[in-house]
Amino acid sequence: MTDLEFMDLAERLLRAVEAGCDALNDETDADIDNQRTGGMVTLTFPNRSQIVINLQRPLHEVWMAAKSGGYHYRHVEGTWRDTKGGDEFFAALSRAASEQSGLDLQFHP
């Protein structure tokens, strides 16, 4: 994968996270504050817990830090997969956001 391909795919992922926050805020009582700074999106929940998603350009990875731990994702066969456990990014984000918010929150690519 070239740097340009990585940035295109990673940008789509970050935009999907931002759009997911907006949709969840419209459809639920989640009240997620999402702030983007360059290649990093920080989701802050009403209880002040956070999930941070940031791009690691040299490694062609997306990293996510949540209360449950830190995770590294690479784009493999059309989807972002955890480099250790193989979990899909949006499933893991949904799980972490649900745990931290106390609501059933679903993010989608």
Protein backbone atom coordinates (compact mmCIF):
# COMPACT_ATOMS: atom_id res chain seq x y z
CA MET A 1 0.00 0.00 0.00
CA THR A 2 1.33 3.43 -0.87
CA ASP A 3 1.25 6.38 1.51
CA LEU A 4 -1.41 8.02 -0.67
CA GLU A 5 -3.62 4.90 -0.59
CA PHE A 6 -3.25 4.68 3.18
CA MET A 7 -4.20 8.32 3.65
CA ASP A 8 -7.26 7.95 1.43
CA LEU A 9 -8.50 4.88 3.33
CA ALA A 10 -7.63 6.34 6.74
CA GLU A 11 -9.39 9.63 5.92
CA ARG A 12 -12.53 7.67 5.01
CA LEU A 13 -12.33 5.86 8.35
CA LEU A 14 -12.02 9.11 10.34
CA ARG A 15 -14.91 10.70 8.42
CA ALA A 16 -17.05 7.61 9.14
CA VAL A 17 -16.25 7.91 12.86
CA GLU A 18 -17.23 11.60 12.85
CA ALA A 19 -20.44 10.90 10.91
CA GLY A 20 -21.21 8.03 13.27
CA CYS A 21 -20.93 10.33 16.28
CA ASP A 22 -23.27 12.85 14.64
CA ALA A 23 -25.81 10.12 13.82
CA LEU A 24 -25.65 8.62 17.31
CA ASN A 25 -26.10 12.04 18.89
CA ASP A 26 -29.20 12.60 16.70
CA GLU A 27 -30.67 9.13 17.30
CA THR A 28 -29.75 8.41 20.94
CA ASP A 29 -28.95 10.12 24.23
CA ALA A 30 -25.22 9.46 23.72
CA ASP A 31 -24.08 13.13 23.67
CA ILE A 32 -20.61 12.26 22.30
CA ASP A 33 -18.34 15.24 21.77
CA ASN A 34 -15.98 14.54 18.87
CA GLN A 35 -13.01 16.76 18.20
CA ARG A 36 -10.72 16.37 15.21
CA THR A 37 -7.18 17.66 15.04
CA GLY A 38 -5.38 16.61 11.87
CA GLY A 39 -5.17 12.83 11.86
CA MET A 40 -6.66 12.39 15.32
CA VAL A 41 -10.28 12.19 16.52
CA THR A 42 -11.09 12.32 20.22
CA LEU A 43 -14.50 11.12 21.39
CA THR A 44 -15.49 12.41 24.82
CA PHE A 45 -18.48 10.94 26.62
CA PRO A 46 -20.65 12.69 29.25
CA ASN A 47 -18.78 10.79 32.02
CA ARG A 48 -15.56 12.42 30.67
CA SER A 49 -14.07 9.15 29.49
CA GLN A 50 -12.46 9.29 26.06
CA ILE A 51 -11.63 7.21 23.02
CA VAL A 52 -8.76 8.52 20.90
CA ILE A 53 -8.29 7.41 17.29
CA ASN A 54 -5.16 8.53 15.49
CA LEU A 55 -3.25 7.77 12.32
CA GLN A 56 0.22 6.29 12.38
CA ARG A 57 1.29 7.20 8.86
CA PRO A 58 4.78 5.63 8.82
CA LEU A 59 3.30 2.27 9.88
CA HIS A 60 0.14 2.55 7.76
CA GLU A 61 -1.89 1.89 10.89
CA VAL A 62 -4.81 3.44 12.76
CA TRP A 63 -4.50 3.32 16.54
CA MET A 64 -7.38 3.41 19.01
CA ALA A 65 -7.01 4.03 22.73
CA ALA A 66 -10.02 3.29 24.96
CA LYS A 67 -10.58 2.37 28.60
CA SER A 68 -10.32 -1.28 27.54
CA GLY A 69 -6.84 -0.81 26.08
CA GLY A 70 -4.85 0.24 23.03
CA TYR A 71 -5.36 -1.29 19.60
CA HIS A 72 -3.57 -1.11 16.25
CA TYR A 73 -5.43 -1.60 12.95
CA ARG A 74 -4.20 -2.28 9.43
CA HIS A 75 -6.26 -2.29 6.26
CA VAL A 76 -6.50 -5.93 5.16
CA GLU A 77 -8.68 -7.23 2.33
CA GLY A 78 -11.04 -4.26 2.38
CA THR A 79 -11.43 -3.76 6.13
CA TRP A 80 -9.49 -2.41 9.10
CA ARG A 81 -8.33 -5.32 11.33
CA ASP A 82 -6.63 -5.38 14.72
CA THR A 83 -3.03 -6.48 14.26
CA LYS A 84 -3.20 -8.84 17.26
CA GLY A 85 -6.72 -10.17 17.64
CA GLY A 86 -8.09 -9.58 14.13
CA ASP A 87 -11.17 -7.69 15.36
CA GLU A 88 -12.77 -5.32 12.85
CA PHE A 89 -12.32 -1.63 13.73
CA PHE A 90 -15.97 -0.50 13.76
CA ALA A 91 -17.07 -3.53 15.81
CA ALA A 92 -14.34 -2.77 18.35
CA LEU A 93 -15.21 0.95 18.39
CA SER A 94 -18.90 0.09 18.92
CA ARG A 95 -18.00 -2.20 21.81
CA ALA A 96 -15.69 0.37 23.46
CA ALA A 97 -18.15 3.25 23.00
CA SER A 98 -21.00 1.14 24.41
CA GLU A 99 -18.91 0.20 27.45
CA GLN A 100 -17.82 3.78 28.10
CA SER A 101 -21.23 5.36 27.54
CA GLY A 102 -23.44 2.72 29.12
CA LEU A 103 -25.58 2.71 25.93
CA ASP A 104 -25.79 0.33 23.00
CA LEU A 105 -23.91 2.34 20.34
CA GLN A 106 -23.19 1.03 16.87
CA PHE A 107 -20.65 2.58 14.51
CA HIS A 108 -20.53 1.58 10.83
CA PRO A 109 -17.97 2.00 8.03
